[in-house]
Amino acid sequence: MNNQLFIKEKLQATLEKIQIKSDGSPITDLQLDKTLVEEIEKLTTELESVNPNLNPLLYATSLLNGTWQLQYSTAREIRTLVSLPLGLKLGKVYQVIDVANKLFFNLAKVKHSLGLASGYVKVTASFEPAKEDLEPPANKRINVYFDKRYLSIEKIVGINTPQLNPFKVVPANNPISRTATLDITYLDETLRIGRGGDGSLFILSKSDDLPDFNS
């Protein structure tokens, strides 16, 4: 077994172990003890060092395309979703990327702990390769421009509620006085690691659970 595969399997086994009780929702560093957070960061850094696609925006755009499920993150926005009020519980979180049109959306499933309601939060965005990162050996940084935020209730006590899907659409927040960025630090056919401009970590696995981009 080569080093890349060994580290990847070890990282995935660690993530799968902590996700057993999460019902598919992403885990954040705030939910884990410090030792485990450090172990995940160590394995992630080791895997990034053997990234098989160092220039994903040049040579691996086909791998980027499609649906990804978030497994682990240290980002503030994911930490906030994990601690929802009013008995609401975060479910699976997806990112769907349309490389050809330089678009993506993030979709977070949400449900009430007693099954009273279910819905989602969806944020649409566009992206482009960062201009300062166009030459090799970089080609891993994208600039992100958030567009709209959709709040939706799909069901109430098991009854479909199309009139509430969505019930609110508002402009999405972009960082003040700077452009949001994401570095794609590891990419293969089934796993992607990204680092936000604020240092936040995102680990995602390829998924076929979600409908296509226009659904």
Protein backbone atom coordinates (compact mmCIF):
# COMPACT_ATOMS: atom_id res chain seq x y z
CA MET A 1 0.00 0.00 0.00
CA ASN A 2 1.46 3.38 -0.97
CA ASN A 3 1.84 6.19 1.55
CA GLN A 4 -0.98 8.32 0.12
CA LEU A 5 -3.51 5.50 0.34
CA PHE A 6 -2.38 4.53 3.84
CA ILE A 7 -2.80 8.08 5.20
CA LYS A 8 -6.11 8.54 3.39
CA GLU A 9 -7.56 5.32 4.81
CA LYS A 10 -6.38 6.23 8.30
CA LEU A 11 -8.00 9.69 8.07
CA GLN A 12 -11.24 8.29 6.69
CA ALA A 13 -11.38 5.60 9.37
CA THR A 14 -10.96 8.28 12.05
CA LEU A 15 -13.73 10.42 10.55
CA GLU A 16 -16.08 7.45 10.12
CA LYS A 17 -15.59 6.47 13.76
CA ILE A 18 -16.62 9.91 15.06
CA GLN A 19 -19.53 10.18 12.61
CA ILE A 20 -21.27 6.99 13.73
CA LYS A 21 -23.66 8.89 16.01
CA SER A 22 -24.00 11.99 13.81
CA ASP A 23 -26.50 10.55 11.30
CA GLY A 24 -24.45 11.88 8.42
CA SER A 25 -24.13 15.46 9.67
CA PRO A 26 -20.64 16.97 9.62
CA ILE A 27 -18.50 16.97 12.75
CA THR A 28 -16.72 20.13 13.90
CA ASP A 29 -13.63 20.53 16.03
CA LEU A 30 -15.75 21.97 18.87
CA GLN A 31 -17.48 18.60 19.28
CA LEU A 32 -14.23 16.69 19.81
CA ASP A 33 -11.51 16.61 22.43
CA LYS A 34 -8.27 18.41 21.69
CA THR A 35 -6.24 15.22 21.15
CA LEU A 36 -8.59 13.97 18.42
CA VAL A 37 -8.68 17.39 16.73
CA GLU A 38 -4.88 17.39 16.65
CA GLU A 39 -4.85 13.86 15.22
CA ILE A 40 -7.23 14.85 12.40
CA GLU A 41 -5.14 17.94 11.63
CA LYS A 42 -1.94 15.86 11.59
CA LEU A 43 -3.39 13.25 9.21
CA THR A 44 -4.88 15.98 7.02
CA THR A 45 -1.56 17.80 6.72
CA GLU A 46 0.22 14.54 5.90
CA LEU A 47 -2.34 13.76 3.18
CA GLU A 48 -2.06 17.26 1.72
CA SER A 49 1.71 16.71 1.40
CA VAL A 50 1.11 13.77 -0.97
CA ASN A 51 -1.69 15.39 -2.99
CA PRO A 52 -1.87 13.59 -6.37
CA ASN A 53 -3.41 16.67 -8.07
CA LEU A 54 -1.25 19.68 -7.24
CA ASN A 55 -2.86 21.85 -9.94
CA PRO A 56 -6.56 21.00 -9.65
CA LEU A 57 -7.77 24.13 -11.47
CA LEU A 58 -5.63 23.23 -14.49
CA TYR A 59 -5.61 19.46 -14.71
CA ALA A 60 -8.30 18.02 -12.42
CA THR A 61 -11.48 20.07 -12.97
CA SER A 62 -13.41 16.89 -13.85
CA LEU A 63 -12.69 15.58 -10.35
CA LEU A 64 -14.01 18.78 -8.78
CA ASN A 65 -17.32 18.59 -10.62
CA GLY A 66 -20.37 17.08 -8.95
CA THR A 67 -21.72 16.52 -5.46
CA TRP A 68 -19.60 16.46 -2.30
CA GLN A 69 -20.72 15.69 1.25
CA LEU A 70 -19.06 17.56 4.13
CA GLN A 71 -17.58 15.23 6.75
CA TYR A 72 -15.55 17.52 9.00
CA SER A 73 -14.94 21.25 9.35
CA THR A 74 -13.49 23.87 11.66
CA ALA A 75 -15.34 26.72 9.91
CA ARG A 76 -17.39 29.15 11.98
CA GLU A 77 -20.46 28.82 9.75
CA ILE A 78 -20.53 25.03 10.20
CA ARG A 79 -20.04 25.34 13.96
CA THR A 80 -23.07 27.66 14.02
CA LEU A 81 -25.25 25.22 12.07
CA VAL A 82 -24.34 22.39 14.44
CA SER A 83 -25.76 24.43 17.36
CA LEU A 84 -29.19 25.33 15.98
CA PRO A 85 -31.92 26.59 18.36
CA LEU A 86 -35.57 25.50 18.88
CA GLY A 87 -34.88 21.77 18.77
CA LEU A 88 -33.56 21.91 15.22
CA LYS A 89 -30.81 19.49 14.24
CA LEU A 90 -28.34 19.68 11.39
CA GLY A 91 -28.44 16.80 8.91
CA LYS A 92 -26.22 16.13 5.92
CA VAL A 93 -24.39 19.05 4.32
CA TYR A 94 -23.57 19.03 0.61
CA GLN A 95 -21.67 21.14 -1.88
CA VAL A 96 -22.62 20.79 -5.54
CA ILE A 97 -20.10 22.17 -8.06
CA ASP A 98 -20.77 23.07 -11.69
CA VAL A 99 -17.25 23.65 -13.02
CA ALA A 100 -18.32 24.52 -16.58
CA ASN A 101 -20.38 27.49 -15.39
CA LYS A 102 -18.18 28.31 -12.37
CA LEU A 103 -21.11 27.93 -9.98
CA PHE A 104 -21.77 25.98 -6.81
CA PHE A 105 -24.24 25.77 -3.99
CA ASN A 106 -24.00 24.64 -0.38
CA LEU A 107 -27.03 22.83 1.00
CA ALA A 108 -27.55 21.97 4.66
CA LYS A 109 -30.43 19.67 5.57
CA VAL A 110 -32.21 20.59 8.81
CA LYS A 111 -34.87 18.73 10.81
CA HIS A 112 -36.60 19.05 14.17
CA SER A 113 -35.44 16.57 16.79
CA LEU A 114 -39.06 15.39 17.29
CA GLY A 115 -39.78 15.15 13.57
CA LEU A 116 -42.12 18.16 13.60
CA ALA A 117 -40.53 19.81 10.56
CA SER A 118 -37.73 19.40 8.03
CA GLY A 119 -36.13 21.71 5.51
CA TYR A 120 -32.84 23.12 4.36
CA VAL A 121 -30.59 26.14 4.09
CA LYS A 122 -29.11 26.69 0.64
CA VAL A 123 -26.46 29.22 -0.40
CA THR A 124 -25.64 29.82 -4.05
CA ALA A 125 -22.32 31.21 -5.24
CA SER A 126 -19.97 31.67 -8.16
CA PHE A 127 -16.21 31.20 -8.24
CA GLU A 128 -13.14 31.88 -10.35
CA PRO A 129 -9.46 30.98 -10.13
CA ALA A 130 -7.63 33.56 -8.03
CA LYS A 131 -5.72 35.85 -10.41
CA GLU A 132 -2.58 35.79 -8.25
CA ASP A 133 -2.66 31.98 -8.36
CA LEU A 134 -2.85 31.33 -12.09
CA GLU A 135 0.71 30.09 -12.63
CA PRO A 136 2.07 26.69 -11.58
CA PRO A 137 2.94 25.33 -9.08
CA ALA A 138 -0.16 26.94 -7.56
CA ASN A 139 -3.51 26.66 -9.39
CA LYS A 140 -5.37 25.61 -6.29
CA ARG A 141 -6.97 28.85 -5.00
CA ILE A 142 -10.42 30.06 -5.98
CA ASN A 143 -12.15 33.34 -5.22
CA VAL A 144 -15.71 32.82 -3.98
CA TYR A 145 -18.64 35.21 -4.46
CA PHE A 146 -21.73 34.28 -2.48
CA ASP A 147 -25.06 35.16 -4.13
CA LYS A 148 -28.29 34.18 -2.37
CA ARG A 149 -29.41 32.34 0.75
CA TYR A 150 -32.58 30.23 0.59
CA LEU A 151 -34.48 29.12 3.71
CA SER A 152 -36.94 26.30 3.13
CA ILE A 153 -39.40 24.17 5.06
CA GLU A 154 -40.11 21.03 3.03
CA LYS A 155 -42.40 19.22 5.48
CA ILE A 156 -44.39 19.93 8.64
CA VAL A 157 -45.49 16.83 10.61
CA GLY A 158 -44.87 14.77 7.49
CA ILE A 159 -46.94 16.94 5.15
CA ASN A 160 -45.25 18.54 2.14
CA THR A 161 -45.23 22.35 2.24
CA PRO A 162 -44.36 23.59 -1.27
CA GLN A 163 -45.58 27.08 -0.34
CA LEU A 164 -42.69 27.28 2.15
CA ASN A 165 -40.07 25.90 -0.24
CA PRO A 166 -38.46 28.38 -0.03
CA PHE A 167 -40.14 30.74 2.40
CA LYS A 168 -37.31 33.28 2.38
CA VAL A 169 -34.63 34.32 -0.11
CA VAL A 170 -32.07 36.94 0.91
CA PRO A 171 -28.68 38.12 -0.35
CA ALA A 172 -25.86 35.98 1.03
CA ASN A 173 -23.17 37.62 3.12
CA ASN A 174 -19.71 38.12 1.65
CA PRO A 175 -16.71 39.12 3.78
CA ILE A 176 -16.34 42.87 4.24
CA SER A 177 -13.33 44.47 2.52
CA ARG A 178 -11.91 41.15 1.25
CA THR A 179 -12.71 38.36 -1.17
CA ALA A 180 -13.51 34.94 0.24
CA THR A 181 -11.00 32.34 -0.94
CA LEU A 182 -10.60 28.57 -0.77
CA ASP A 183 -7.44 26.57 -1.40
CA ILE A 184 -8.01 23.05 -2.74
CA THR A 185 -5.18 21.33 -0.90
CA TYR A 186 -6.03 17.70 -1.71
CA LEU A 187 -8.16 16.16 -4.44
CA ASP A 188 -8.75 12.69 -5.78
CA GLU A 189 -11.75 10.73 -7.10
CA THR A 190 -13.43 10.35 -3.70
CA LEU A 191 -11.93 12.87 -1.26
CA ARG A 192 -11.38 16.64 -1.22
CA ILE A 193 -9.70 18.87 1.36
CA GLY A 194 -9.97 22.65 1.35
CA ARG A 195 -8.57 25.50 3.44
CA GLY A 196 -10.49 28.75 3.70
CA GLY A 197 -8.83 32.15 3.68
CA ASP A 198 -9.44 32.35 7.42
CA GLY A 199 -7.63 29.05 7.99
CA SER A 200 -10.79 26.95 8.30
CA LEU A 201 -10.63 23.31 7.23
CA PHE A 202 -13.15 21.39 5.11
CA ILE A 203 -12.98 17.64 4.43
CA LEU A 204 -15.54 16.29 1.93
CA SER A 205 -16.27 12.98 0.24
CA LYS A 206 -17.76 12.48 -3.23
CA SER A 207 -21.46 11.64 -3.13
CA ASP A 208 -24.27 10.65 -5.46
CA ASP A 209 -27.05 11.36 -2.95
CA LEU A 210 -28.16 14.75 -4.23
CA PRO A 211 -30.17 15.67 -7.36
CA ASP A 212 -28.36 17.43 -10.17
CA PHE A 213 -27.38 21.10 -10.08
CA ASN A 214 -30.65 22.42 -11.58
CA SER A 215 -32.99 20.58 -9.21
